[in-house]
Structure formats: C-alpha cells, structure tokens
Amino acid sequence: MAGSKDQDVIELLLVQHEQIRALITQVRTETGDLKRESFEDLVRLLAVHETAEEEIVHPTARREIANGERVVDARLNEESQAKDELSELYDLGVDHSEFDTRFAALADAVEKHASHEESEEFPGLRQAMSADQLQKMAGAVRAAEAVAPTRPHPAAGESAAAQMLLGPPVAVFDRVRDAVRDWGKTNKGS
C-alpha cells in the first residue's frame, strides 16, 4: 500500500480510502480488461485494508474511543456485508449482466463505510492516542497488510482473532493464485 513510513495510522488509512474511491471510479467507467484489472486491484486493496483494520484499528478503537463498542460493531457489520457482496461480485465477474448494478450498490456502501470511519472512528483515535502511538499503529497496519488475504473471505469472520488465525494461511493461498493469474496474463501467446 502506498504511504510514507512517517505517516500515522489515520493518514495511512485516509490515503487508502482515496485509492479505494479512485478504483471505484475506474471500475465504474472502464470496460473490458481495464475494468477487470481495476476491479481486481480494488478487491485486493479492500481485502488487505479491511483485514488490517479488523486486526489493529478496530480493537484499539473499541477500547480507546467514546462509544467504541457501538462504533466498531457498526463498522464490522458494514464490513461483513461488503465482504459478502464483494465475494459474490468477484465470482460473478465484471462481464456479468448484473455486475454494474450490484457494483453500484457496493460502491455506495463502501463510501458510506469510509465516511463513517472518517467521521466517527478516526477523530476518536486521534483524540485518545498520542502521535507516537498513531505512528506505531501505522507500522502495525502495514505489517498486517503484508500478510493479509488478497480476496474477501466472508466465512473467516470479522474478529481480530479470526483474522490473525486464518489470515496468513489464506493469504498465502490468495497470493499464489494471484501470482499464477498474473503470470498467465504476462505469458499469453508465449
């Protein structure tokens, strides 16, 4: 994921939210292989981003911010619904007749989710934690993203414990599948 090493966790996540918004726009406006590639990039970014939030950010917010339980439970519910839909869209494929309609609904839900994090969760973290703690959290998020699955796995659950237990083995499987897919794209007709 893009970002400088001196960013704090909120700055890092805000950059990723902008990357997600840009990829959503690309999926909405592109066609054919470009649309498929943008969608695959979006799936990958959402999967690693949400996994890291579930492992690092949400547990901290649950403990540290006012109404943390309520705020985090609402975000986890949104993430669960989005994972289910993203997984179904991935299986459906960008060429399916229902893809654009279903993607539009997902995109709206993702935007609302990001806006809720930006207005409810992030300000609470900024207020409750020191600059040093927020910067260290960014390092933890980057580490979690490095071993996160690259596809949504709704059956894995939303808890930090489930993500940490199931995430790395599933991530290895996902990354092997990604490498095979990418190798196949670059070696067509060789």
Protein backbone atom coordinates (compact mmCIF):
# COMPACT_ATOMS: atom_id res chain seq x y z
CA MET A 1 0.00 0.00 0.00
CA ALA A 2 1.14 3.49 -0.75
CA GLY A 3 2.24 5.76 2.01
CA SER A 4 5.26 7.16 3.72
CA LYS A 5 6.86 5.49 6.71
CA ASP A 6 6.30 8.60 8.87
CA GLN A 7 2.52 8.64 8.37
CA ASP A 8 0.33 7.94 11.31
CA VAL A 9 -2.38 5.28 11.03
CA ILE A 10 -5.14 7.77 10.25
CA GLU A 11 -3.14 9.41 7.46
CA LEU A 12 -2.34 5.96 6.04
CA LEU A 13 -5.97 4.86 6.10
CA LEU A 14 -7.17 8.13 4.57
CA VAL A 15 -4.73 7.67 1.66
CA GLN A 16 -6.09 4.16 1.20
CA HIS A 17 -9.67 5.45 1.29
CA GLU A 18 -8.78 7.81 -1.57
CA GLN A 19 -7.19 4.92 -3.50
CA ILE A 20 -10.37 2.90 -2.97
CA ARG A 21 -12.53 5.79 -4.21
CA ALA A 22 -10.32 6.18 -7.31
CA LEU A 23 -10.53 2.45 -8.09
CA ILE A 24 -14.32 2.54 -7.68
CA THR A 25 -14.46 5.33 -10.25
CA GLN A 26 -12.23 3.34 -12.60
CA VAL A 27 -14.40 0.23 -12.30
CA ARG A 28 -17.50 2.33 -13.00
CA THR A 29 -16.02 3.98 -16.10
CA GLU A 30 -13.74 1.40 -17.72
CA THR A 31 -14.61 -1.60 -19.86
CA GLY A 32 -13.12 -4.96 -20.77
CA ASP A 33 -9.69 -5.89 -19.44
CA LEU A 34 -9.13 -2.47 -17.87
CA LYS A 35 -12.34 -2.81 -15.87
CA ARG A 36 -11.40 -6.34 -14.79
CA GLU A 37 -7.91 -5.23 -13.73
CA SER A 38 -9.28 -2.24 -11.80
CA PHE A 39 -11.81 -4.47 -10.08
CA GLU A 40 -9.11 -6.99 -9.14
CA ASP A 41 -6.99 -4.13 -7.76
CA LEU A 42 -9.99 -2.88 -5.78
CA VAL A 43 -10.73 -6.35 -4.39
CA ARG A 44 -7.09 -6.74 -3.34
CA LEU A 45 -6.93 -3.30 -1.68
CA LEU A 46 -10.25 -3.73 0.14
CA ALA A 47 -9.30 -7.19 1.39
CA VAL A 48 -5.96 -6.16 2.88
CA HIS A 49 -7.27 -2.80 4.14
CA GLU A 50 -10.26 -4.32 5.95
CA THR A 51 -8.19 -7.17 7.38
CA ALA A 52 -5.70 -4.71 8.87
CA GLU A 53 -8.50 -2.59 10.29
CA GLU A 54 -10.10 -5.66 11.86
CA GLU A 55 -6.79 -6.78 13.39
CA ILE A 56 -5.33 -3.44 14.51
CA VAL A 57 -7.60 -0.41 14.22
CA HIS A 58 -11.00 -1.64 15.35
CA PRO A 59 -9.78 -3.42 18.52
CA THR A 60 -7.93 -0.25 19.52
CA ALA A 61 -10.91 1.96 18.74
CA ARG A 62 -13.20 -0.37 20.69
CA ARG A 63 -11.02 0.20 23.79
CA GLU A 64 -9.97 3.81 23.34
CA ILE A 65 -12.76 5.91 21.84
CA ALA A 66 -16.04 7.07 23.31
CA ASN A 67 -18.82 4.59 22.43
CA GLY A 68 -16.14 2.34 20.97
CA GLU A 69 -18.25 -0.81 21.19
CA ARG A 70 -21.14 0.75 19.27
CA VAL A 71 -18.94 2.43 16.67
CA VAL A 72 -16.82 -0.65 15.97
CA ASP A 73 -19.76 -3.07 15.92
CA ALA A 74 -21.45 -0.90 13.29
CA ARG A 75 -18.26 -0.81 11.17
CA LEU A 76 -17.81 -4.58 11.45
CA ASN A 77 -21.40 -5.12 10.35
CA GLU A 78 -20.80 -2.90 7.31
CA GLU A 79 -17.57 -4.74 6.52
CA SER A 80 -19.26 -8.13 6.79
CA GLN A 81 -21.98 -7.15 4.34
CA ALA A 82 -19.42 -5.65 1.95
CA LYS A 83 -17.25 -8.79 2.08
CA ASP A 84 -20.23 -10.95 1.17
CA GLU A 85 -21.17 -8.73 -1.77
CA LEU A 86 -17.56 -8.28 -2.93
CA SER A 87 -17.04 -12.04 -2.88
CA GLU A 88 -20.21 -12.59 -4.91
CA LEU A 89 -19.20 -9.89 -7.40
CA TYR A 90 -15.75 -11.44 -7.74
CA ASP A 91 -17.33 -14.80 -8.56
CA LEU A 92 -19.83 -13.14 -10.92
CA GLY A 93 -17.18 -11.29 -12.94
CA VAL A 94 -17.23 -7.82 -14.48
CA ASP A 95 -18.86 -9.07 -17.71
CA HIS A 96 -21.99 -10.40 -15.99
CA SER A 97 -25.21 -8.52 -16.78
CA GLU A 98 -25.86 -7.82 -13.07
CA PHE A 99 -22.35 -6.66 -12.24
CA ASP A 100 -22.74 -2.91 -12.78
CA THR A 101 -25.99 -2.63 -10.82
CA ARG A 102 -24.67 -4.68 -7.92
CA PHE A 103 -21.33 -2.90 -8.02
CA ALA A 104 -23.05 0.49 -7.77
CA ALA A 105 -24.78 -0.63 -4.57
CA LEU A 106 -21.49 -1.96 -3.17
CA ALA A 107 -19.67 1.25 -4.09
CA ASP A 108 -22.28 3.33 -2.24
CA ALA A 109 -21.98 1.09 0.82
CA VAL A 110 -18.16 1.29 0.75
CA GLU A 111 -18.34 5.09 0.52
CA LYS A 112 -20.73 5.28 3.50
CA HIS A 113 -18.50 2.92 5.47
CA ALA A 114 -15.40 5.03 4.78
CA SER A 115 -17.28 8.21 5.69
CA HIS A 116 -18.41 6.66 8.99
CA GLU A 117 -14.83 5.69 9.83
CA GLU A 118 -13.60 9.17 8.90
CA SER A 119 -16.25 10.95 10.99
CA GLU A 120 -16.69 8.58 13.96
CA GLU A 121 -13.70 6.31 14.43
CA PHE A 122 -10.67 8.29 13.22
CA PRO A 123 -11.34 11.51 15.19
CA GLY A 124 -11.79 9.44 18.36
CA LEU A 125 -8.48 7.69 17.79
CA ARG A 126 -6.72 11.00 17.09
CA GLN A 127 -8.09 12.41 20.35
CA ALA A 128 -7.42 9.35 22.52
CA MET A 129 -3.94 8.42 21.35
CA SER A 130 -0.58 10.14 21.14
CA ALA A 131 1.11 10.95 17.83
CA ASP A 132 3.72 8.28 18.60
CA GLN A 133 1.06 5.64 19.26
CA LEU A 134 -0.72 6.51 16.00
CA GLN A 135 2.55 6.27 14.07
CA LYS A 136 3.32 2.89 15.62
CA MET A 137 -0.19 1.72 14.71
CA ALA A 138 0.58 2.61 11.09
CA GLY A 139 3.55 0.23 11.22
CA ALA A 140 1.31 -2.48 12.67
CA VAL A 141 -1.27 -1.89 9.92
CA ARG A 142 1.43 -2.16 7.23
CA ALA A 143 2.65 -5.42 8.77
CA ALA A 144 -0.91 -6.81 8.92
CA GLU A 145 -1.48 -5.84 5.30
CA ALA A 146 1.70 -7.61 4.22
CA VAL A 147 0.26 -10.96 5.35
CA ALA A 148 -3.43 -10.29 4.73
CA PRO A 149 -5.58 -12.24 2.28
CA THR A 150 -5.97 -10.53 -1.10
CA ARG A 151 -9.61 -11.57 -1.54
CA PRO A 152 -12.61 -11.31 0.74
CA HIS A 153 -13.27 -14.45 2.77
CA PRO A 154 -16.65 -13.87 4.44
CA ALA A 155 -16.55 -17.21 6.26
CA ALA A 156 -13.41 -16.15 8.13
CA GLY A 157 -15.37 -13.75 10.32
CA GLU A 158 -14.69 -10.21 11.39
CA SER A 159 -12.91 -10.68 14.71
CA ALA A 160 -9.26 -9.80 15.13
CA ALA A 161 -8.60 -13.31 16.47
CA ALA A 162 -10.18 -14.97 13.44
CA GLN A 163 -8.26 -12.70 11.07
CA MET A 164 -4.94 -13.38 12.81
CA LEU A 165 -5.52 -17.14 12.94
CA LEU A 166 -6.93 -17.69 9.45
CA GLY A 167 -5.49 -14.68 7.63
CA PRO A 168 -1.89 -15.78 6.98
CA PRO A 169 -2.65 -19.27 5.55
CA VAL A 170 -5.47 -17.86 3.41
CA ALA A 171 -3.19 -15.01 2.34
CA VAL A 172 -0.56 -17.47 1.11
CA PHE A 173 -3.20 -19.26 -0.94
CA ASP A 174 -4.54 -15.96 -2.33
CA ARG A 175 -1.08 -14.69 -3.22
CA VAL A 176 -0.21 -17.93 -5.03
CA ARG A 177 -3.46 -17.65 -7.00
CA ASP A 178 -2.63 -14.00 -7.79
CA ALA A 179 0.87 -14.93 -8.96
CA VAL A 180 -0.46 -17.70 -11.22
CA ARG A 181 -3.12 -15.35 -12.63
CA ASP A 182 -0.57 -12.58 -13.22
CA TRP A 183 1.94 -15.00 -14.76
CA GLY A 184 -0.79 -16.21 -17.14
CA LYS A 185 -1.57 -12.63 -18.20
CA THR A 186 2.07 -11.79 -18.94
CA ASN A 187 2.76 -15.05 -20.77
CA LYS A 188 -0.19 -15.16 -23.17
CA GLY A 189 0.89 -16.34 -26.55
CA SER A 190 4.49 -17.10 -25.46
